[in-house]
Amino acid sequence: MKLLAYIVMLVLSVISLTLADAQDFPSTQNVAAPEATFPRLSASNLEGKTLRLPEDFAGDRNLLLIAFQREQQQNVDT
């Protein structure tokens, strides 16, 4: 479980750095920011089901909420 938490934290860090770099473009120019892509990884959910990400995402744009402890899952579900 700790390994999954470290992987998720690493992935979120990479995504946030990528998005931060996109904000460095001058706002006065009409320049499109590069699209951020979710890195490929395999993980298992709290039920033990193995997921391949981003292949197992349902749509073109997805919001991923992660509970690091079972007690946090209720907050994610709301």
PDB file of N, CA and C in Angstrom:
ATOM      1  N   MET A   1       0.820  -1.182   0.000  1.00  0.00           N
ATOM      2  CA  MET A   1       0.000   0.000   0.000  1.00  0.00           C
ATOM      3  C   MET A   1       0.868   1.251   0.000  1.00  0.00           C
ATOM      4  N   LYS A   2       2.001   1.191   0.735  1.00  0.00           N
ATOM      5  CA  LYS A   2       2.896   2.342   0.752  1.00  0.00           C
ATOM      6  C   LYS A   2       3.469   2.595  -0.634  1.00  0.00           C
ATOM      7  N   LEU A   3       3.780   1.513  -1.364  1.00  0.00           N
ATOM      8  CA  LEU A   3       4.325   1.659  -2.705  1.00  0.00           C
ATOM      9  C   LEU A   3       3.329   2.369  -3.609  1.00  0.00           C
ATOM     10  N   LEU A   4       2.066   1.999  -3.512  1.00  0.00           N
ATOM     11  CA  LEU A   4       1.027   2.652  -4.317  1.00  0.00           C
ATOM     12  C   LEU A   4       0.935   4.133  -3.961  1.00  0.00           C
ATOM     13  N   ALA A   5       1.007   4.453  -2.689  1.00  0.00           N
ATOM     14  CA  ALA A   5       0.946   5.856  -2.265  1.00  0.00           C
ATOM     15  C   ALA A   5       2.122   6.635  -2.827  1.00  0.00           C
ATOM     16  N   TYR A   6       3.321   6.055  -2.805  1.00  0.00           N
ATOM     17  CA  TYR A   6       4.489   6.732  -3.359  1.00  0.00           C
ATOM     18  C   TYR A   6       4.353   6.923  -4.871  1.00  0.00           C
ATOM     19  N   ILE A   7       3.840   5.917  -5.563  1.00  0.00           N
ATOM     20  CA  ILE A   7       3.662   6.019  -7.015  1.00  0.00           C
ATOM     21  C   ILE A   7       2.668   7.129  -7.341  1.00  0.00           C
ATOM     22  N   VAL A   8       1.565   7.164  -6.618  1.00  0.00           N
ATOM     23  CA  VAL A   8       0.548   8.179  -6.870  1.00  0.00           C
ATOM     24  C   VAL A   8       1.101   9.572  -6.585  1.00  0.00           C
ATOM     25  N   MET A   9       1.850   9.714  -5.497  1.00  0.00           N
ATOM     26  CA  MET A   9       2.433  11.018  -5.178  1.00  0.00           C
ATOM     27  C   MET A   9       3.415  11.442  -6.259  1.00  0.00           C
ATOM     28  N   LEU A  10       4.195  10.504  -6.779  1.00  0.00           N
ATOM     29  CA  LEU A  10       5.139  10.806  -7.847  1.00  0.00           C
ATOM     30  C   LEU A  10       4.399  11.247  -9.102  1.00  0.00           C
ATOM     31  N   VAL A  11       3.356  10.530  -9.456  1.00  0.00           N
ATOM     32  CA  VAL A  11       2.573  10.863 -10.648  1.00  0.00           C
ATOM     33  C   VAL A  11       1.950  12.255 -10.515  1.00  0.00           C
ATOM     34  N   LEU A  12       1.370  12.537  -9.362  1.00  0.00           N
ATOM     35  CA  LEU A  12       0.753  13.841  -9.158  1.00  0.00           C
ATOM     36  C   LEU A  12       1.794  14.956  -9.180  1.00  0.00           C
ATOM     37  N   SER A  13       2.990  14.683  -8.677  1.00  0.00           N
ATOM     38  CA  SER A  13       4.062  15.677  -8.716  1.00  0.00           C
ATOM     39  C   SER A  13       4.468  15.977 -10.154  1.00  0.00           C
ATOM     40  N   VAL A  14       4.597  14.931 -10.959  1.00  0.00           N
ATOM     41  CA  VAL A  14       4.975  15.121 -12.358  1.00  0.00           C
ATOM     42  C   VAL A  14       3.908  15.925 -13.096  1.00  0.00           C
ATOM     43  N   ILE A  15       2.649  15.599 -12.848  1.00  0.00           N
ATOM     44  CA  ILE A  15       1.563  16.318 -13.504  1.00  0.00           C
ATOM     45  C   ILE A  15       1.553  17.780 -13.077  1.00  0.00           C
ATOM     46  N   SER A  16       1.735  18.042 -11.794  1.00  0.00           N
ATOM     47  CA  SER A  16       1.710  19.433 -11.335  1.00  0.00           C
ATOM     48  C   SER A  16       2.890  20.218 -11.897  1.00  0.00           C
ATOM     49  N   LEU A  17       4.061  19.582 -12.021  1.00  0.00           N
ATOM     50  CA  LEU A  17       5.202  20.265 -12.632  1.00  0.00           C
ATOM     51  C   LEU A  17       4.946  20.551 -14.104  1.00  0.00           C
ATOM     52  N   THR A  18       4.321  19.620 -14.795  1.00  0.00           N
ATOM     53  CA  THR A  18       4.005  19.813 -16.203  1.00  0.00           C
ATOM     54  C   THR A  18       3.025  20.969 -16.370  1.00  0.00           C
ATOM     55  N   LEU A  19       2.014  21.006 -15.519  1.00  0.00           N
ATOM     56  CA  LEU A  19       1.034  22.080 -15.603  1.00  0.00           C
ATOM     57  C   LEU A  19       1.651  23.422 -15.207  1.00  0.00           C
ATOM     58  N   ALA A  20       2.578  23.419 -14.274  1.00  0.00           N
ATOM     59  CA  ALA A  20       3.243  24.664 -13.874  1.00  0.00           C
ATOM     60  C   ALA A  20       4.083  25.207 -15.025  1.00  0.00           C
ATOM     61  N   ASP A  21       4.737  24.323 -15.787  1.00  0.00           N
ATOM     62  CA  ASP A  21       5.517  24.754 -16.940  1.00  0.00           C
ATOM     63  C   ASP A  21       4.625  25.382 -18.003  1.00  0.00           C
ATOM     64  N   ALA A  22       3.401  24.904 -18.131  1.00  0.00           N
ATOM     65  CA  ALA A  22       2.479  25.436 -19.128  1.00  0.00           C
ATOM     66  C   ALA A  22       2.097  26.879 -18.801  1.00  0.00           C
ATOM     67  N   GLN A  23       2.180  27.262 -17.536  1.00  0.00           N
ATOM     68  CA  GLN A  23       1.816  28.620 -17.131  1.00  0.00           C
ATOM     69  C   GLN A  23       2.953  29.609 -17.394  1.00  0.00           C
ATOM     70  N   ASP A  24       4.126  29.139 -17.785  1.00  0.00           N
ATOM     71  CA  ASP A  24       5.257  30.017 -18.034  1.00  0.00           C
ATOM     72  C   ASP A  24       5.183  30.725 -19.379  1.00  0.00           C
ATOM     73  N   PHE A  25       4.235  30.354 -20.245  1.00  0.00           N
ATOM     74  CA  PHE A  25       4.109  31.004 -21.539  1.00  0.00           C
ATOM     75  C   PHE A  25       3.581  32.427 -21.336  1.00  0.00           C
ATOM     76  N   PRO A  26       4.091  33.390 -22.081  1.00  0.00           N
ATOM     77  CA  PRO A  26       3.593  34.760 -21.950  1.00  0.00           C
ATOM     78  C   PRO A  26       2.112  34.831 -22.290  1.00  0.00           C
ATOM     79  N   SER A  27       1.348  35.530 -21.467  1.00  0.00           N
ATOM     80  CA  SER A  27      -0.097  35.584 -21.683  1.00  0.00           C
ATOM     81  C   SER A  27      -0.476  36.523 -22.823  1.00  0.00           C
ATOM     82  N   THR A  28       0.458  37.381 -23.280  1.00  0.00           N
ATOM     83  CA  THR A  28       0.134  38.316 -24.352  1.00  0.00           C
ATOM     84  C   THR A  28       0.237  37.683 -25.728  1.00  0.00           C
ATOM     85  N   GLN A  29       0.880  36.535 -25.819  1.00  0.00           N
ATOM     86  CA  GLN A  29       1.008  35.854 -27.105  1.00  0.00           C
ATOM     87  C   GLN A  29      -0.051  34.775 -27.215  1.00  0.00           C
ATOM     88  N   ASN A  30      -0.443  34.475 -28.439  1.00  0.00           N
ATOM     89  CA  ASN A  30      -1.426  33.438 -28.696  1.00  0.00           C
ATOM     90  C   ASN A  30      -0.698  32.114 -28.903  1.00  0.00           C
ATOM     91  N   VAL A  31      -0.217  31.523 -27.804  1.00  0.00           N
ATOM     92  CA  VAL A  31       0.552  30.283 -27.852  1.00  0.00           C
ATOM     93  C   VAL A  31      -0.213  29.218 -27.078  1.00  0.00           C
ATOM     94  N   ALA A  32      -0.449  28.083 -27.712  1.00  0.00           N
ATOM     95  CA  ALA A  32      -1.149  26.991 -27.050  1.00  0.00           C
ATOM     96  C   ALA A  32      -0.188  26.257 -26.118  1.00  0.00           C
ATOM     97  N   ALA A  33      -0.642  25.987 -24.912  1.00  0.00           N
ATOM     98  CA  ALA A  33       0.162  25.238 -23.947  1.00  0.00           C
ATOM     99  C   ALA A  33       0.164  23.759 -24.335  1.00  0.00           C
ATOM    100  N   PRO A  34       1.265  23.052 -24.106  1.00  0.00           N
ATOM    101  CA  PRO A  34       1.301  21.624 -24.429  1.00  0.00           C
ATOM    102  C   PRO A  34       0.340  20.845 -23.526  1.00  0.00           C
ATOM    103  N   GLU A  35      -0.229  19.799 -24.073  1.00  0.00           N
ATOM    104  CA  GLU A  35      -1.146  18.978 -23.290  1.00  0.00           C
ATOM    105  C   GLU A  35      -0.360  18.103 -22.322  1.00  0.00           C
ATOM    106  N   ALA A  36      -0.852  17.992 -21.106  1.00  0.00           N
ATOM    107  CA  ALA A  36      -0.255  17.108 -20.122  1.00  0.00           C
ATOM    108  C   ALA A  36      -0.857  15.717 -20.310  1.00  0.00           C
ATOM    109  N   THR A  37      -0.034  14.709 -20.268  1.00  0.00           N
ATOM    110  CA  THR A  37      -0.532  13.343 -20.393  1.00  0.00           C
ATOM    111  C   THR A  37      -0.243  12.587 -19.113  1.00  0.00           C
ATOM    112  N   PHE A  38      -1.151  11.724 -18.763  1.00  0.00           N
ATOM    113  CA  PHE A  38      -1.007  10.909 -17.563  1.00  0.00           C
ATOM    114  C   PHE A  38       0.008   9.803 -17.844  1.00  0.00           C
ATOM    115  N   PRO A  39       1.006   9.638 -17.006  1.00  0.00           N
ATOM    116  CA  PRO A  39       1.995   8.575 -17.245  1.00  0.00           C
ATOM    117  C   PRO A  39       1.360   7.193 -17.117  1.00  0.00           C
ATOM    118  N   ARG A  40       1.872   6.254 -17.864  1.00  0.00           N
ATOM    119  CA  ARG A  40       1.340   4.888 -17.822  1.00  0.00           C
ATOM    120  C   ARG A  40       1.821   4.190 -16.546  1.00  0.00           C
ATOM    121  N   LEU A  41       0.876   3.539 -15.853  1.00  0.00           N
ATOM    122  CA  LEU A  41       1.225   2.783 -14.657  1.00  0.00           C
ATOM    123  C   LEU A  41       0.159   1.749 -14.378  1.00  0.00           C
ATOM    124  N   SER A  42       0.508   0.779 -13.571  1.00  0.00           N
ATOM    125  CA  SER A  42      -0.433  -0.232 -13.100  1.00  0.00           C
ATOM    126  C   SER A  42      -0.560  -0.084 -11.595  1.00  0.00           C
ATOM    127  N   ALA A  43      -1.777  -0.196 -11.109  1.00  0.00           N
ATOM    128  CA  ALA A  43      -2.030  -0.068  -9.679  1.00  0.00           C
ATOM    129  C   ALA A  43      -3.238  -0.919  -9.333  1.00  0.00           C
ATOM    130  N   SER A  44      -3.469  -1.107  -8.061  1.00  0.00           N
ATOM    131  CA  SER A  44      -4.659  -1.843  -7.637  1.00  0.00           C
ATOM    132  C   SER A  44      -5.471  -0.972  -6.711  1.00  0.00           C
ATOM    133  N   ASN A  45      -6.796  -1.120  -6.799  1.00  0.00           N
ATOM    134  CA  ASN A  45      -7.668  -0.342  -5.943  1.00  0.00           C
ATOM    135  C   ASN A  45      -7.831  -1.042  -4.597  1.00  0.00           C
ATOM    136  N   LEU A  46      -8.648  -0.476  -3.722  1.00  0.00           N
ATOM    137  CA  LEU A  46      -8.818  -1.049  -2.387  1.00  0.00           C
ATOM    138  C   LEU A  46      -9.497  -2.411  -2.418  1.00  0.00           C
ATOM    139  N   GLU A  47     -10.149  -2.740  -3.519  1.00  0.00           N
ATOM    140  CA  GLU A  47     -10.785  -4.052  -3.667  1.00  0.00           C
ATOM    141  C   GLU A  47      -9.835  -5.079  -4.260  1.00  0.00           C
ATOM    142  N   GLY A  48      -8.609  -4.659  -4.596  1.00  0.00           N
ATOM    143  CA  GLY A  48      -7.623  -5.567  -5.149  1.00  0.00           C
ATOM    144  C   GLY A  48      -7.669  -5.690  -6.668  1.00  0.00           C
ATOM    145  N   LYS A  49      -8.537  -4.950  -7.335  1.00  0.00           N
ATOM    146  CA  LYS A  49      -8.635  -5.001  -8.795  1.00  0.00           C
ATOM    147  C   LYS A  49      -7.460  -4.228  -9.400  1.00  0.00           C
ATOM    148  N   THR A  50      -6.762  -4.862 -10.324  1.00  0.00           N
ATOM    149  CA  THR A  50      -5.630  -4.215 -10.982  1.00  0.00           C
ATOM    150  C   THR A  50      -6.126  -3.321 -12.112  1.00  0.00           C
ATOM    151  N   LEU A  51      -5.600  -2.103 -12.152  1.00  0.00           N
ATOM    152  CA  LEU A  51      -5.980  -1.135 -13.176  1.00  0.00           C
ATOM    153  C   LEU A  51      -4.739  -0.710 -13.933  1.00  0.00           C
ATOM    154  N   ARG A  52      -4.882  -0.543 -15.241  1.00  0.00           N
ATOM    155  CA  ARG A  52      -3.814   0.010 -16.085  1.00  0.00           C
ATOM    156  C   ARG A  52      -4.237   1.428 -16.443  1.00  0.00           C
ATOM    157  N   LEU A  53      -3.434   2.361 -16.036  1.00  0.00           N
ATOM    158  CA  LEU A  53      -3.768   3.756 -16.290  1.00  0.00           C
ATOM    159  C   LEU A  53      -2.794   4.342 -17.292  1.00  0.00           C
ATOM    160  N   PRO A  54      -3.212   5.142 -18.217  1.00  0.00           N
ATOM    161  CA  PRO A  54      -4.541   5.710 -18.401  1.00  0.00           C
ATOM    162  C   PRO A  54      -5.471   4.872 -19.268  1.00  0.00           C
ATOM    163  N   GLU A  55      -5.065   3.683 -19.702  1.00  0.00           N
ATOM    164  CA  GLU A  55      -5.890   2.879 -20.609  1.00  0.00           C
ATOM    165  C   GLU A  55      -7.270   2.573 -20.034  1.00  0.00           C
ATOM    166  N   ASP A  56      -7.370   2.375 -18.719  1.00  0.00           N
ATOM    167  CA  ASP A  56      -8.649   2.009 -18.110  1.00  0.00           C
ATOM    168  C   ASP A  56      -9.521   3.210 -17.761  1.00  0.00           C
ATOM    169  N   PHE A  57      -9.069   4.426 -18.070  1.00  0.00           N
ATOM    170  CA  PHE A  57      -9.932   5.593 -17.894  1.00  0.00           C
ATOM    171  C   PHE A  57     -11.051   5.513 -18.912  1.00  0.00           C
ATOM    172  N   ALA A  58     -12.252   5.971 -18.536  1.00  0.00           N
ATOM    173  CA  ALA A  58     -13.424   5.823 -19.402  1.00  0.00           C
ATOM    174  C   ALA A  58     -13.509   6.867 -20.508  1.00  0.00           C
ATOM    175  N   GLY A  59     -13.090   8.095 -20.260  1.00  0.00           N
ATOM    176  CA  GLY A  59     -13.309   9.162 -21.230  1.00  0.00           C
ATOM    177  C   GLY A  59     -12.029   9.854 -21.657  1.00  0.00           C
ATOM    178  N   ASP A  60     -12.197  10.900 -22.466  1.00  0.00           N
ATOM    179  CA  ASP A  60     -11.054  11.681 -22.911  1.00  0.00           C
ATOM    180  C   ASP A  60     -10.461  12.506 -21.780  1.00  0.00           C
ATOM    181  N   ARG A  61     -11.329  13.026 -20.904  1.00  0.00           N
ATOM    182  CA  ARG A  61     -10.893  13.806 -19.740  1.00  0.00           C
ATOM    183  C   ARG A  61     -11.469  13.140 -18.501  1.00  0.00           C
ATOM    184  N   ASN A  62     -10.637  12.948 -17.497  1.00  0.00           N
ATOM    185  CA  ASN A  62     -11.053  12.244 -16.291  1.00  0.00           C
ATOM    186  C   ASN A  62     -10.522  12.965 -15.060  1.00  0.00           C
ATOM    187  N   LEU A  63     -11.247  12.840 -13.973  1.00  0.00           N
ATOM    188  CA  LEU A  63     -10.826  13.369 -12.689  1.00  0.00           C
ATOM    189  C   LEU A  63     -10.527  12.178 -11.789  1.00  0.00           C
ATOM    190  N   LEU A  64      -9.309  12.100 -11.310  1.00  0.00           N
ATOM    191  CA  LEU A  64      -8.874  10.975 -10.495  1.00  0.00           C
ATOM    192  C   LEU A  64      -8.761  11.427  -9.052  1.00  0.00           C
ATOM    193  N   LEU A  65      -9.565  10.834  -8.171  1.00  0.00           N
ATOM    194  CA  LEU A  65      -9.513  11.112  -6.735  1.00  0.00           C
ATOM    195  C   LEU A  65      -8.969   9.867  -6.056  1.00  0.00           C
ATOM    196  N   ILE A  66      -8.008  10.056  -5.178  1.00  0.00           N
ATOM    197  CA  ILE A  66      -7.321   8.919  -4.567  1.00  0.00           C
ATOM    198  C   ILE A  66      -7.443   9.001  -3.056  1.00  0.00           C
ATOM    199  N   ALA A  67      -7.943   7.943  -2.455  1.00  0.00           N
ATOM    200  CA  ALA A  67      -7.987   7.823  -1.003  1.00  0.00           C
ATOM    201  C   ALA A  67      -6.770   7.008  -0.574  1.00  0.00           C
ATOM    202  N   PHE A  68      -5.963   7.578   0.293  1.00  0.00           N
ATOM    203  CA  PHE A  68      -4.762   6.881   0.740  1.00  0.00           C
ATOM    204  C   PHE A  68      -5.043   5.968   1.924  1.00  0.00           C
ATOM    205  N   GLN A  69      -6.176   6.178   2.588  1.00  0.00           N
ATOM    206  CA  GLN A  69      -6.593   5.321   3.693  1.00  0.00           C
ATOM    207  C   GLN A  69      -8.074   5.021   3.522  1.00  0.00           C
ATOM    208  N   ARG A  70      -8.521   3.867   4.038  1.00  0.00           N
ATOM    209  CA  ARG A  70      -9.932   3.483   3.888  1.00  0.00           C
ATOM    210  C   ARG A  70     -10.873   4.540   4.460  1.00  0.00           C
ATOM    211  N   GLU A  71     -10.481   5.190   5.553  1.00  0.00           N
ATOM    212  CA  GLU A  71     -11.328   6.191   6.177  1.00  0.00           C
ATOM    213  C   GLU A  71     -11.555   7.384   5.253  1.00  0.00           C
ATOM    214  N   GLN A  72     -10.642   7.636   4.339  1.00  0.00           N
ATOM    215  CA  GLN A  72     -10.765   8.761   3.411  1.00  0.00           C
ATOM    216  C   GLN A  72     -11.701   8.467   2.246  1.00  0.00           C
ATOM    217  N   GLN A  73     -12.011   7.205   2.017  1.00  0.00           N
ATOM    218  CA  GLN A  73     -12.829   6.821   0.870  1.00  0.00           C
ATOM    219  C   GLN A  73     -14.202   7.475   0.911  1.00  0.00           C
ATOM    220  N   GLN A  74     -14.775   7.638   2.111  1.00  0.00           N
ATOM    221  CA  GLN A  74     -16.084   8.269   2.232  1.00  0.00           C
ATOM    222  C   GLN A  74     -16.043   9.695   1.697  1.00  0.00           C
ATOM    223  N   ASN A  75     -14.960  10.413   1.941  1.00  0.00           N
ATOM    224  CA  ASN A  75     -14.828  11.771   1.412  1.00  0.00           C
ATOM    225  C   ASN A  75     -14.731  11.770  -0.105  1.00  0.00           C
ATOM    226  N   VAL A  76     -14.048  10.800  -0.660  1.00  0.00           N
ATOM    227  CA  VAL A  76     -13.916  10.696  -2.115  1.00  0.00           C
ATOM    228  C   VAL A  76     -15.260  10.369  -2.748  1.00  0.00           C
ATOM    229  N   ASP A  77     -16.053   9.551  -2.095  1.00  0.00           N
ATOM    230  CA  ASP A  77     -17.340   9.120  -2.633  1.00  0.00           C
ATOM    231  C   ASP A  77     -18.399  10.234  -2.638  1.00  0.00           C
ATOM    232  N   THR A  78     -18.199  11.300  -1.860  1.00  0.00           N
ATOM    233  CA  THR A  78     -19.223  12.347  -1.780  1.00  0.00           C
ATOM    234  C   THR A  78     -19.057  13.388  -2.861  1.00  0.00           C
TER     235      THR A  78
END
